[in-house]
Amino acid sequence: MTKIFYHKLNVFLYFILCLVFFILPLTLIIRKSSEIKLLVYPIILITICGYYYYRIFKAFIHIVIGKPIIEFTSEKYIDNLNGVSIKWKDVQRISLENRKAPFIIFTLKNDSQFYNS
């Protein structure tokens, strides 16, 4: 079995940056705001960056508890961050795509097994 972890220093730094640039200002604004117009800034931050911060927090929790992000076993591929598990017998082809970062592309024999359609 092969386990892949995120680099601990990167995730830790991203997590600290999230605290400094997102949670801390949000907390200060909400504590000191008596006007509704001051809540616009946190709402915009949550709308634009909320999912990104959620994923960083989730990766940080995985590092703290020592759970690998990706596992390759002889039976299946397990992505613990996204909750994806694909059996190797269901994979038709594996390819690598380079965009801004490299991606592993799994072409499944039957997409409905994964997408529930």
PDB file of N, CA and C in Angstrom:
ATOM      1  N   MET A   1       0.840  -1.170   0.000  1.00  0.00           N
ATOM      2  CA  MET A   1       0.000   0.000   0.000  1.00  0.00           C
ATOM      3  C   MET A   1       0.888   1.237   0.000  1.00  0.00           C
ATOM      4  N   THR A   2       0.542   2.193  -0.834  1.00  0.00           N
ATOM      5  CA  THR A   2       1.265   3.456  -0.906  1.00  0.00           C
ATOM      6  C   THR A   2       0.370   4.553  -0.352  1.00  0.00           C
ATOM      7  N   LYS A   3       0.929   5.365   0.539  1.00  0.00           N
ATOM      8  CA  LYS A   3       0.183   6.474   1.124  1.00  0.00           C
ATOM      9  C   LYS A   3       0.842   7.780   0.710  1.00  0.00           C
ATOM     10  N   ILE A   4       0.010   8.757   0.333  1.00  0.00           N
ATOM     11  CA  ILE A   4       0.525  10.061  -0.065  1.00  0.00           C
ATOM     12  C   ILE A   4      -0.043  11.109   0.876  1.00  0.00           C
ATOM     13  N   PHE A   5       0.853  11.875   1.487  1.00  0.00           N
ATOM     14  CA  PHE A   5       0.462  12.947   2.401  1.00  0.00           C
ATOM     15  C   PHE A   5       0.762  14.295   1.750  1.00  0.00           C
ATOM     16  N   TYR A   6       0.003  15.313   2.104  1.00  0.00           N
ATOM     17  CA  TYR A   6       0.379  16.675   1.713  1.00  0.00           C
ATOM     18  C   TYR A   6       1.617  17.073   2.496  1.00  0.00           C
ATOM     19  N   HIS A   7       2.388  17.982   1.941  1.00  0.00           N
ATOM     20  CA  HIS A   7       3.564  18.476   2.644  1.00  0.00           C
ATOM     21  C   HIS A   7       3.086  19.248   3.878  1.00  0.00           C
ATOM     22  N   LYS A   8       3.513  18.832   5.051  1.00  0.00           N
ATOM     23  CA  LYS A   8       3.005  19.386   6.314  1.00  0.00           C
ATOM     24  C   LYS A   8       3.264  20.880   6.451  1.00  0.00           C
ATOM     25  N   LEU A   9       4.427  21.333   6.031  1.00  0.00           N
ATOM     26  CA  LEU A   9       4.752  22.746   6.164  1.00  0.00           C
ATOM     27  C   LEU A   9       3.830  23.611   5.297  1.00  0.00           C
ATOM     28  N   ASN A  10       3.569  23.174   4.073  1.00  0.00           N
ATOM     29  CA  ASN A  10       2.674  23.937   3.190  1.00  0.00           C
ATOM     30  C   ASN A  10       1.285  24.062   3.775  1.00  0.00           C
ATOM     31  N   VAL A  11       0.724  22.951   4.206  1.00  0.00           N
ATOM     32  CA  VAL A  11      -0.633  22.986   4.752  1.00  0.00           C
ATOM     33  C   VAL A  11      -0.676  23.818   6.026  1.00  0.00           C
ATOM     34  N   PHE A  12       0.337  23.709   6.874  1.00  0.00           N
ATOM     35  CA  PHE A  12       0.377  24.489   8.104  1.00  0.00           C
ATOM     36  C   PHE A  12       0.432  25.988   7.793  1.00  0.00           C
ATOM     37  N   LEU A  13       1.273  26.377   6.827  1.00  0.00           N
ATOM     38  CA  LEU A  13       1.373  27.794   6.457  1.00  0.00           C
ATOM     39  C   LEU A  13       0.063  28.305   5.854  1.00  0.00           C
ATOM     40  N   TYR A  14      -0.554  27.525   4.982  1.00  0.00           N
ATOM     41  CA  TYR A  14      -1.839  27.925   4.414  1.00  0.00           C
ATOM     42  C   TYR A  14      -2.896  28.080   5.505  1.00  0.00           C
ATOM     43  N   PHE A  15      -2.871  27.164   6.462  1.00  0.00           N
ATOM     44  CA  PHE A  15      -3.839  27.225   7.547  1.00  0.00           C
ATOM     45  C   PHE A  15      -3.644  28.492   8.383  1.00  0.00           C
ATOM     46  N   ILE A  16      -2.401  28.825   8.703  1.00  0.00           N
ATOM     47  CA  ILE A  16      -2.115  30.050   9.464  1.00  0.00           C
ATOM     48  C   ILE A  16      -2.531  31.282   8.661  1.00  0.00           C
ATOM     49  N   LEU A  17      -2.249  31.292   7.359  1.00  0.00           N
ATOM     50  CA  LEU A  17      -2.665  32.412   6.516  1.00  0.00           C
ATOM     51  C   LEU A  17      -4.176  32.549   6.479  1.00  0.00           C
ATOM     52  N   CYS A  18      -4.873  31.434   6.469  1.00  0.00           N
ATOM     53  CA  CYS A  18      -6.346  31.479   6.510  1.00  0.00           C
ATOM     54  C   CYS A  18      -6.820  32.115   7.808  1.00  0.00           C
ATOM     55  N   LEU A  19      -6.185  31.748   8.892  1.00  0.00           N
ATOM     56  CA  LEU A  19      -6.571  32.336  10.179  1.00  0.00           C
ATOM     57  C   LEU A  19      -6.329  33.838  10.189  1.00  0.00           C
ATOM     58  N   VAL A  20      -5.173  34.244   9.682  1.00  0.00           N
ATOM     59  CA  VAL A  20      -4.803  35.656   9.725  1.00  0.00           C
ATOM     60  C   VAL A  20      -5.661  36.489   8.777  1.00  0.00           C
ATOM     61  N   PHE A  21      -5.870  36.010   7.551  1.00  0.00           N
ATOM     62  CA  PHE A  21      -6.540  36.822   6.543  1.00  0.00           C
ATOM     63  C   PHE A  21      -8.040  36.593   6.438  1.00  0.00           C
ATOM     64  N   PHE A  22      -8.558  35.589   7.093  1.00  0.00           N
ATOM     65  CA  PHE A  22      -9.985  35.295   6.957  1.00  0.00           C
ATOM     66  C   PHE A  22     -10.709  35.291   8.294  1.00  0.00           C
ATOM     67  N   ILE A  23     -10.322  34.418   9.171  1.00  0.00           N
ATOM     68  CA  ILE A  23     -11.058  34.234  10.415  1.00  0.00           C
ATOM     69  C   ILE A  23     -10.852  35.397  11.378  1.00  0.00           C
ATOM     70  N   LEU A  24      -9.630  35.863  11.512  1.00  0.00           N
ATOM     71  CA  LEU A  24      -9.363  36.981  12.422  1.00  0.00           C
ATOM     72  C   LEU A  24     -10.108  38.257  12.014  1.00  0.00           C
ATOM     73  N   PRO A  25     -10.009  38.714  10.757  1.00  0.00           N
ATOM     74  CA  PRO A  25     -10.783  39.898  10.376  1.00  0.00           C
ATOM     75  C   PRO A  25     -12.285  39.685  10.486  1.00  0.00           C
ATOM     76  N   LEU A  26     -12.735  38.503  10.129  1.00  0.00           N
ATOM     77  CA  LEU A  26     -14.160  38.199  10.234  1.00  0.00           C
ATOM     78  C   LEU A  26     -14.640  38.321  11.678  1.00  0.00           C
ATOM     79  N   THR A  27     -13.873  37.778  12.602  1.00  0.00           N
ATOM     80  CA  THR A  27     -14.222  37.847  14.018  1.00  0.00           C
ATOM     81  C   THR A  27     -14.215  39.282  14.524  1.00  0.00           C
ATOM     82  N   LEU A  28     -13.205  40.045  14.157  1.00  0.00           N
ATOM     83  CA  LEU A  28     -13.130  41.440  14.598  1.00  0.00           C
ATOM     84  C   LEU A  28     -14.279  42.272  14.040  1.00  0.00           C
ATOM     85  N   ILE A  29     -14.612  42.060  12.801  1.00  0.00           N
ATOM     86  CA  ILE A  29     -15.706  42.828  12.196  1.00  0.00           C
ATOM     87  C   ILE A  29     -17.033  42.478  12.851  1.00  0.00           C
ATOM     88  N   ILE A  30     -17.268  41.211  13.057  1.00  0.00           N
ATOM     89  CA  ILE A  30     -18.548  40.807  13.658  1.00  0.00           C
ATOM     90  C   ILE A  30     -18.647  41.291  15.107  1.00  0.00           C
ATOM     91  N   ARG A  31     -17.558  41.238  15.854  1.00  0.00           N
ATOM     92  CA  ARG A  31     -17.583  41.689  17.254  1.00  0.00           C
ATOM     93  C   ARG A  31     -17.839  43.181  17.383  1.00  0.00           C
ATOM     94  N   LYS A  32     -17.244  43.965  16.495  1.00  0.00           N
ATOM     95  CA  LYS A  32     -17.317  45.412  16.630  1.00  0.00           C
ATOM     96  C   LYS A  32     -18.368  46.050  15.738  1.00  0.00           C
ATOM     97  N   SER A  33     -19.071  45.268  14.969  1.00  0.00           N
ATOM     98  CA  SER A  33     -20.024  45.877  14.043  1.00  0.00           C
ATOM     99  C   SER A  33     -21.417  45.922  14.647  1.00  0.00           C
ATOM    100  N   SER A  34     -21.970  47.100  14.588  1.00  0.00           N
ATOM    101  CA  SER A  34     -23.362  47.260  14.969  1.00  0.00           C
ATOM    102  C   SER A  34     -24.174  47.624  13.739  1.00  0.00           C
ATOM    103  N   GLU A  35     -23.461  47.825  12.629  1.00  0.00           N
ATOM    104  CA  GLU A  35     -24.131  48.179  11.389  1.00  0.00           C
ATOM    105  C   GLU A  35     -24.098  46.997  10.417  1.00  0.00           C
ATOM    106  N   ILE A  36     -25.155  46.874   9.682  1.00  0.00           N
ATOM    107  CA  ILE A  36     -25.266  45.779   8.723  1.00  0.00           C
ATOM    108  C   ILE A  36     -24.251  45.925   7.584  1.00  0.00           C
ATOM    109  N   LYS A  37     -23.943  47.159   7.181  1.00  0.00           N
ATOM    110  CA  LYS A  37     -23.046  47.347   6.038  1.00  0.00           C
ATOM    111  C   LYS A  37     -21.639  46.812   6.292  1.00  0.00           C
ATOM    112  N   LEU A  38     -21.233  46.691   7.542  1.00  0.00           N
ATOM    113  CA  LEU A  38     -19.913  46.143   7.849  1.00  0.00           C
ATOM    114  C   LEU A  38     -19.856  44.629   7.659  1.00  0.00           C
ATOM    115  N   LEU A  39     -20.988  43.989   7.527  1.00  0.00           N
ATOM    116  CA  LEU A  39     -21.009  42.540   7.314  1.00  0.00           C
ATOM    117  C   LEU A  39     -20.833  42.174   5.841  1.00  0.00           C
ATOM    118  N   VAL A  40     -20.781  43.169   4.958  1.00  0.00           N
ATOM    119  CA  VAL A  40     -20.613  42.903   3.531  1.00  0.00           C
ATOM    120  C   VAL A  40     -19.239  42.276   3.267  1.00  0.00           C
ATOM    121  N   TYR A  41     -18.194  42.792   3.883  1.00  0.00           N
ATOM    122  CA  TYR A  41     -16.839  42.266   3.694  1.00  0.00           C
ATOM    123  C   TYR A  41     -16.748  40.779   4.049  1.00  0.00           C
ATOM    124  N   PRO A  42     -17.210  40.361   5.224  1.00  0.00           N
ATOM    125  CA  PRO A  42     -17.141  38.916   5.525  1.00  0.00           C
ATOM    126  C   PRO A  42     -17.985  38.055   4.594  1.00  0.00           C
ATOM    127  N   ILE A  43     -19.116  38.565   4.166  1.00  0.00           N
ATOM    128  CA  ILE A  43     -19.965  37.789   3.254  1.00  0.00           C
ATOM    129  C   ILE A  43     -19.268  37.607   1.911  1.00  0.00           C
ATOM    130  N   ILE A  44     -18.608  38.658   1.422  1.00  0.00           N
ATOM    131  CA  ILE A  44     -17.859  38.547   0.167  1.00  0.00           C
ATOM    132  C   ILE A  44     -16.705  37.558   0.333  1.00  0.00           C
ATOM    133  N   LEU A  45     -15.988  37.618   1.456  1.00  0.00           N
ATOM    134  CA  LEU A  45     -14.888  36.673   1.703  1.00  0.00           C
ATOM    135  C   LEU A  45     -15.380  35.233   1.744  1.00  0.00           C
ATOM    136  N   ILE A  46     -16.478  35.022   2.429  1.00  0.00           N
ATOM    137  CA  ILE A  46     -17.025  33.662   2.528  1.00  0.00           C
ATOM    138  C   ILE A  46     -17.456  33.167   1.153  1.00  0.00           C
ATOM    139  N   THR A  47     -18.074  34.035   0.377  1.00  0.00           N
ATOM    140  CA  THR A  47     -18.544  33.647  -0.956  1.00  0.00           C
ATOM    141  C   THR A  47     -17.391  33.298  -1.881  1.00  0.00           C
ATOM    142  N   ILE A  48     -16.360  34.104  -1.888  1.00  0.00           N
ATOM    143  CA  ILE A  48     -15.244  33.903  -2.821  1.00  0.00           C
ATOM    144  C   ILE A  48     -14.283  32.824  -2.333  1.00  0.00           C
ATOM    145  N   CYS A  49     -13.944  32.842  -1.067  1.00  0.00           N
ATOM    146  CA  CYS A  49     -12.857  31.998  -0.567  1.00  0.00           C
ATOM    147  C   CYS A  49     -13.299  30.876   0.366  1.00  0.00           C
ATOM    148  N   GLY A  50     -14.559  30.778   0.665  1.00  0.00           N
ATOM    149  CA  GLY A  50     -15.025  29.812   1.657  1.00  0.00           C
ATOM    150  C   GLY A  50     -14.658  28.380   1.351  1.00  0.00           C
ATOM    151  N   TYR A  51     -14.872  27.938   0.105  1.00  0.00           N
ATOM    152  CA  TYR A  51     -14.576  26.555  -0.250  1.00  0.00           C
ATOM    153  C   TYR A  51     -13.069  26.279  -0.178  1.00  0.00           C
ATOM    154  N   TYR A  52     -12.264  27.236  -0.620  1.00  0.00           N
ATOM    155  CA  TYR A  52     -10.806  27.092  -0.560  1.00  0.00           C
ATOM    156  C   TYR A  52     -10.347  26.933   0.887  1.00  0.00           C
ATOM    157  N   TYR A  53     -10.874  27.765   1.770  1.00  0.00           N
ATOM    158  CA  TYR A  53     -10.511  27.679   3.186  1.00  0.00           C
ATOM    159  C   TYR A  53     -11.005  26.378   3.812  1.00  0.00           C
ATOM    160  N   TYR A  54     -12.159  25.930   3.393  1.00  0.00           N
ATOM    161  CA  TYR A  54     -12.692  24.659   3.884  1.00  0.00           C
ATOM    162  C   TYR A  54     -11.748  23.509   3.522  1.00  0.00           C
ATOM    163  N   ARG A  55     -11.244  23.507   2.286  1.00  0.00           N
ATOM    164  CA  ARG A  55     -10.342  22.437   1.857  1.00  0.00           C
ATOM    165  C   ARG A  55      -9.008  22.502   2.593  1.00  0.00           C
ATOM    166  N   ILE A  56      -8.505  23.703   2.844  1.00  0.00           N
ATOM    167  CA  ILE A  56      -7.264  23.840   3.608  1.00  0.00           C
ATOM    168  C   ILE A  56      -7.475  23.335   5.032  1.00  0.00           C
ATOM    169  N   PHE A  57      -8.580  23.693   5.646  1.00  0.00           N
ATOM    170  CA  PHE A  57      -8.879  23.238   7.002  1.00  0.00           C
ATOM    171  C   PHE A  57      -8.999  21.718   7.039  1.00  0.00           C
ATOM    172  N   LYS A  58      -9.655  21.147   6.037  1.00  0.00           N
ATOM    173  CA  LYS A  58      -9.818  19.695   5.971  1.00  0.00           C
ATOM    174  C   LYS A  58      -8.459  18.994   5.830  1.00  0.00           C
ATOM    175  N   ALA A  59      -7.580  19.538   4.984  1.00  0.00           N
ATOM    176  CA  ALA A  59      -6.227  18.974   4.818  1.00  0.00           C
ATOM    177  C   ALA A  59      -5.430  19.102   6.111  1.00  0.00           C
ATOM    178  N   PHE A  60      -5.597  20.227   6.805  1.00  0.00           N
ATOM    179  CA  PHE A  60      -4.908  20.441   8.071  1.00  0.00           C
ATOM    180  C   PHE A  60      -5.338  19.392   9.105  1.00  0.00           C
ATOM    181  N   ILE A  61      -6.624  19.125   9.171  1.00  0.00           N
ATOM    182  CA  ILE A  61      -7.141  18.111  10.105  1.00  0.00           C
ATOM    183  C   ILE A  61      -6.567  16.737   9.757  1.00  0.00           C
ATOM    184  N   HIS A  62      -6.476  16.409   8.463  1.00  0.00           N
ATOM    185  CA  HIS A  62      -5.898  15.124   8.062  1.00  0.00           C
ATOM    186  C   HIS A  62      -4.447  15.012   8.508  1.00  0.00           C
ATOM    187  N   ILE A  63      -3.712  16.099   8.418  1.00  0.00           N
ATOM    188  CA  ILE A  63      -2.308  16.073   8.855  1.00  0.00           C
ATOM    189  C   ILE A  63      -2.225  15.923  10.367  1.00  0.00           C
ATOM    190  N   VAL A  64      -3.068  16.619  11.097  1.00  0.00           N
ATOM    191  CA  VAL A  64      -3.037  16.546  12.565  1.00  0.00           C
ATOM    192  C   VAL A  64      -3.328  15.122  13.047  1.00  0.00           C
ATOM    193  N   ILE A  65      -4.323  14.465  12.440  1.00  0.00           N
ATOM    194  CA  ILE A  65      -4.664  13.107  12.887  1.00  0.00           C
ATOM    195  C   ILE A  65      -3.801  12.031  12.216  1.00  0.00           C
ATOM    196  N   GLY A  66      -2.966  12.436  11.237  1.00  0.00           N
ATOM    197  CA  GLY A  66      -2.046  11.486  10.599  1.00  0.00           C
ATOM    198  C   GLY A  66      -2.681  10.619   9.538  1.00  0.00           C
ATOM    199  N   LYS A  67      -3.796  11.046   8.972  1.00  0.00           N
ATOM    200  CA  LYS A  67      -4.481  10.278   7.936  1.00  0.00           C
ATOM    201  C   LYS A  67      -3.952  10.700   6.561  1.00  0.00           C
ATOM    202  N   PRO A  68      -3.556   9.745   5.708  1.00  0.00           N
ATOM    203  CA  PRO A  68      -3.031  10.120   4.393  1.00  0.00           C
ATOM    204  C   PRO A  68      -4.130  10.705   3.498  1.00  0.00           C
ATOM    205  N   ILE A  69      -3.738  11.589   2.609  1.00  0.00           N
ATOM    206  CA  ILE A  69      -4.682  12.200   1.682  1.00  0.00           C
ATOM    207  C   ILE A  69      -5.087  11.193   0.610  1.00  0.00           C
ATOM    208  N   ILE A  70      -4.106  10.482   0.058  1.00  0.00           N
ATOM    209  CA  ILE A  70      -4.372   9.494  -0.994  1.00  0.00           C
ATOM    210  C   ILE A  70      -3.710   8.174  -0.612  1.00  0.00           C
ATOM    211  N   GLU A  71      -4.436   7.087  -0.859  1.00  0.00           N
ATOM    212  CA  GLU A  71      -3.896   5.742  -0.622  1.00  0.00           C
ATOM    213  C   GLU A  71      -4.084   4.904  -1.881  1.00  0.00           C
ATOM    214  N   PHE A  72      -3.039   4.182  -2.265  1.00  0.00           N
ATOM    215  CA  PHE A  72      -3.110   3.215  -3.348  1.00  0.00           C
ATOM    216  C   PHE A  72      -2.938   1.835  -2.732  1.00  0.00           C
ATOM    217  N   THR A  73      -3.978   1.032  -2.771  1.00  0.00           N
ATOM    218  CA  THR A  73      -3.880  -0.344  -2.295  1.00  0.00           C
ATOM    219  C   THR A  73      -3.960  -1.267  -3.503  1.00  0.00           C
ATOM    220  N   SER A  74      -3.818  -2.544  -3.295  1.00  0.00           N
ATOM    221  CA  SER A  74      -3.915  -3.480  -4.414  1.00  0.00           C
ATOM    222  C   SER A  74      -5.350  -3.613  -4.910  1.00  0.00           C
ATOM    223  N   GLU A  75      -6.320  -3.244  -4.077  1.00  0.00           N
ATOM    224  CA  GLU A  75      -7.727  -3.364  -4.462  1.00  0.00           C
ATOM    225  C   GLU A  75      -8.310  -2.077  -5.040  1.00  0.00           C
ATOM    226  N   LYS A  76      -7.869  -0.899  -4.501  1.00  0.00           N
ATOM    227  CA  LYS A  76      -8.520   0.338  -4.921  1.00  0.00           C
ATOM    228  C   LYS A  76      -7.677   1.573  -4.651  1.00  0.00           C
ATOM    229  N   TYR A  77      -8.153   2.676  -5.243  1.00  0.00           N
ATOM    230  CA  TYR A  77      -7.599   4.011  -5.040  1.00  0.00           C
ATOM    231  C   TYR A  77      -8.510   4.707  -4.035  1.00  0.00           C
ATOM    232  N   ILE A  78      -7.927   5.299  -2.991  1.00  0.00           N
ATOM    233  CA  ILE A  78      -8.718   5.960  -1.953  1.00  0.00           C
ATOM    234  C   ILE A  78      -8.239   7.398  -1.822  1.00  0.00           C
ATOM    235  N   ASP A  79      -9.159   8.341  -2.027  1.00  0.00           N
ATOM    236  CA  ASP A  79      -8.893   9.767  -1.832  1.00  0.00           C
ATOM    237  C   ASP A  79      -9.628  10.172  -0.561  1.00  0.00           C
ATOM    238  N   ASN A  80      -8.896  10.238   0.549  1.00  0.00           N
ATOM    239  CA  ASN A  80      -9.522  10.537   1.840  1.00  0.00           C
ATOM    240  C   ASN A  80      -9.994  11.980   1.958  1.00  0.00           C
ATOM    241  N   LEU A  81      -9.386  12.897   1.229  1.00  0.00           N
ATOM    242  CA  LEU A  81      -9.772  14.301   1.315  1.00  0.00           C
ATOM    243  C   LEU A  81     -11.143  14.539   0.697  1.00  0.00           C
ATOM    244  N   ASN A  82     -11.405  13.894  -0.439  1.00  0.00           N
ATOM    245  CA  ASN A  82     -12.678  14.081  -1.136  1.00  0.00           C
ATOM    246  C   ASN A  82     -13.676  12.962  -0.891  1.00  0.00           C
ATOM    247  N   GLY A  83     -13.258  11.937  -0.176  1.00  0.00           N
ATOM    248  CA  GLY A  83     -14.161  10.826   0.113  1.00  0.00           C
ATOM    249  C   GLY A  83     -14.430   9.937  -1.099  1.00  0.00           C
ATOM    250  N   VAL A  84     -13.419   9.749  -1.954  1.00  0.00           N
ATOM    251  CA  VAL A  84     -13.578   8.967  -3.179  1.00  0.00           C
ATOM    252  C   VAL A  84     -12.829   7.652  -3.033  1.00  0.00           C
ATOM    253  N   SER A  85     -13.475   6.584  -3.441  1.00  0.00           N
ATOM    254  CA  SER A  85     -12.857   5.267  -3.439  1.00  0.00           C
ATOM    255  C   SER A  85     -13.216   4.580  -4.755  1.00  0.00           C
ATOM    256  N   ILE A  86     -12.195   4.211  -5.536  1.00  0.00           N
ATOM    257  CA  ILE A  86     -12.424   3.596  -6.846  1.00  0.00           C
ATOM    258  C   ILE A  86     -11.681   2.271  -6.896  1.00  0.00           C
ATOM    259  N   LYS A  87     -12.400   1.212  -7.194  1.00  0.00           N
ATOM    260  CA  LYS A  87     -11.776  -0.106  -7.326  1.00  0.00           C
ATOM    261  C   LYS A  87     -11.038  -0.167  -8.652  1.00  0.00           C
ATOM    262  N   TRP A  88      -9.870  -0.823  -8.645  1.00  0.00           N
ATOM    263  CA  TRP A  88      -9.052  -0.901  -9.855  1.00  0.00           C
ATOM    264  C   TRP A  88      -9.757  -1.651 -10.971  1.00  0.00           C
ATOM    265  N   LYS A  89     -10.616  -2.599 -10.638  1.00  0.00           N
ATOM    266  CA  LYS A  89     -11.315  -3.360 -11.681  1.00  0.00           C
ATOM    267  C   LYS A  89     -12.311  -2.481 -12.436  1.00  0.00           C
ATOM    268  N   ASP A  90     -12.703  -1.331 -11.859  1.00  0.00           N
ATOM    269  CA  ASP A  90     -13.637  -0.422 -12.514  1.00  0.00           C
ATOM    270  C   ASP A  90     -12.942   0.638 -13.367  1.00  0.00           C
ATOM    271  N   VAL A  91     -11.612   0.661 -13.353  1.00  0.00           N
ATOM    272  CA  VAL A  91     -10.843   1.665 -14.093  1.00  0.00           C
ATOM    273  C   VAL A  91     -10.489   1.119 -15.474  1.00  0.00           C
ATOM    274  N   GLN A  92     -10.830   1.893 -16.512  1.00  0.00           N
ATOM    275  CA  GLN A  92     -10.509   1.503 -17.876  1.00  0.00           C
ATOM    276  C   GLN A  92      -9.129   2.011 -18.281  1.00  0.00           C
ATOM    277  N   ARG A  93      -8.832   3.281 -17.913  1.00  0.00           N
ATOM    278  CA  ARG A  93      -7.554   3.874 -18.307  1.00  0.00           C
ATOM    279  C   ARG A  93      -7.145   4.921 -17.275  1.00  0.00           C
ATOM    280  N   ILE A  94      -5.838   5.061 -17.075  1.00  0.00           N
ATOM    281  CA  ILE A  94      -5.291   6.098 -16.202  1.00  0.00           C
ATOM    282  C   ILE A  94      -4.374   6.968 -17.043  1.00  0.00           C
ATOM    283  N   SER A  95      -4.575   8.287 -16.935  1.00  0.00           N
ATOM    284  CA  SER A  95      -3.712   9.208 -17.677  1.00  0.00           C
ATOM    285  C   SER A  95      -3.305  10.360 -16.773  1.00  0.00           C
ATOM    286  N   LEU A  96      -2.307  11.078 -17.214  1.00  0.00           N
ATOM    287  CA  LEU A  96      -1.794  12.225 -16.467  1.00  0.00           C
ATOM    288  C   LEU A  96      -1.967  13.469 -17.321  1.00  0.00           C
ATOM    289  N   GLU A  97      -2.555  14.507 -16.747  1.00  0.00           N
ATOM    290  CA  GLU A  97      -2.771  15.758 -17.457  1.00  0.00           C
ATOM    291  C   GLU A  97      -2.050  16.871 -16.729  1.00  0.00           C
ATOM    292  N   ASN A  98      -1.326  17.691 -17.468  1.00  0.00           N
ATOM    293  CA  ASN A  98      -0.616  18.818 -16.872  1.00  0.00           C
ATOM    294  C   ASN A  98      -1.300  20.115 -17.262  1.00  0.00           C
ATOM    295  N   ARG A  99      -1.877  20.778 -16.293  1.00  0.00           N
ATOM    296  CA  ARG A  99      -2.436  22.114 -16.492  1.00  0.00           C
ATOM    297  C   ARG A  99      -1.586  23.039 -15.638  1.00  0.00           C
ATOM    298  N   LYS A 100      -2.164  23.644 -14.620  1.00  0.00           N
ATOM    299  CA  LYS A 100      -1.357  24.410 -13.671  1.00  0.00           C
ATOM    300  C   LYS A 100      -0.590  23.468 -12.762  1.00  0.00           C
ATOM    301  N   ALA A 101      -1.150  22.302 -12.556  1.00  0.00           N
ATOM    302  CA  ALA A 101      -0.525  21.255 -11.747  1.00  0.00           C
ATOM    303  C   ALA A 101      -0.876  19.917 -12.393  1.00  0.00           C
ATOM    304  N   PRO A 102      -0.116  18.877 -12.116  1.00  0.00           N
ATOM    305  CA  PRO A 102      -0.446  17.577 -12.701  1.00  0.00           C
ATOM    306  C   PRO A 102      -1.694  16.958 -12.058  1.00  0.00           C
ATOM    307  N   PHE A 103      -2.525  16.338 -12.882  1.00  0.00           N
ATOM    308  CA  PHE A 103      -3.736  15.664 -12.423  1.00  0.00           C
ATOM    309  C   PHE A 103      -3.718  14.225 -12.903  1.00  0.00           C
ATOM    310  N   ILE A 104      -4.160  13.316 -12.053  1.00  0.00           N
ATOM    311  CA  ILE A 104      -4.344  11.925 -12.456  1.00  0.00           C
ATOM    312  C   ILE A 104      -5.792  11.789 -12.911  1.00  0.00           C
ATOM    313  N   ILE A 105      -5.985  11.317 -14.132  1.00  0.00           N
ATOM    314  CA  ILE A 105      -7.320  11.158 -14.697  1.00  0.00           C
ATOM    315  C   ILE A 105      -7.648   9.672 -14.739  1.00  0.00           C
ATOM    316  N   PHE A 106      -8.747   9.295 -14.108  1.00  0.00           N
ATOM    317  CA  PHE A 106      -9.231   7.915 -14.142  1.00  0.00           C
ATOM    318  C   PHE A 106     -10.415   7.855 -15.101  1.00  0.00           C
ATOM    319  N   THR A 107     -10.299   7.062 -16.146  1.00  0.00           N
ATOM    320  CA  THR A 107     -11.428   6.816 -17.033  1.00  0.00           C
ATOM    321  C   THR A 107     -12.058   5.510 -16.570  1.00  0.00           C
ATOM    322  N   LEU A 108     -13.313   5.611 -16.145  1.00  0.00           N
ATOM    323  CA  LEU A 108     -13.990   4.443 -15.594  1.00  0.00           C
ATOM    324  C   LEU A 108     -14.721   3.663 -16.678  1.00  0.00           C
ATOM    325  N   LYS A 109     -14.886   2.369 -16.464  1.00  0.00           N
ATOM    326  CA  LYS A 109     -15.626   1.532 -17.401  1.00  0.00           C
ATOM    327  C   LYS A 109     -17.096   1.925 -17.418  1.00  0.00           C
ATOM    328  N   ASN A 110     -17.621   2.284 -16.245  1.00  0.00           N
ATOM    329  CA  ASN A 110     -19.014   2.693 -16.134  1.00  0.00           C
ATOM    330  C   ASN A 110     -19.067   3.915 -15.227  1.00  0.00           C
ATOM    331  N   ASP A 111     -19.240   5.096 -15.825  1.00  0.00           N
ATOM    332  CA  ASP A 111     -19.241   6.345 -15.046  1.00  0.00           C
ATOM    333  C   ASP A 111     -20.362   6.418 -14.022  1.00  0.00           C
ATOM    334  N   SER A 112     -21.439   5.708 -14.254  1.00  0.00           N
ATOM    335  CA  SER A 112     -22.572   5.784 -13.321  1.00  0.00           C
ATOM    336  C   SER A 112     -22.217   5.203 -11.952  1.00  0.00           C
ATOM    337  N   GLN A 113     -21.176   4.379 -11.859  1.00  0.00           N
ATOM    338  CA  GLN A 113     -20.744   3.854 -10.567  1.00  0.00           C
ATOM    339  C   GLN A 113     -20.231   4.976  -9.678  1.00  0.00           C
ATOM    340  N   PHE A 114     -19.629   5.980 -10.299  1.00  0.00           N
ATOM    341  CA  PHE A 114     -19.066   7.086  -9.536  1.00  0.00           C
ATOM    342  C   PHE A 114     -20.033   8.264  -9.424  1.00  0.00           C
ATOM    343  N   TYR A 115     -20.684   8.597 -10.507  1.00  0.00           N
ATOM    344  CA  TYR A 115     -21.543   9.780 -10.542  1.00  0.00           C
ATOM    345  C   TYR A 115     -22.985   9.511 -10.133  1.00  0.00           C
ATOM    346  N   ASN A 116     -23.340   8.253  -9.912  1.00  0.00           N
ATOM    347  CA  ASN A 116     -24.698   7.869  -9.499  1.00  0.00           C
ATOM    348  C   ASN A 116     -25.760   8.404 -10.453  1.00  0.00           C
ATOM    349  N   SER A 117     -25.502   8.310 -11.744  1.00  0.00           N
ATOM    350  CA  SER A 117     -26.514   8.783 -12.702  1.00  0.00           C
ATOM    351  C   SER A 117     -27.185   7.634 -13.404  1.00  0.00           C
TER     352      SER A 117
END
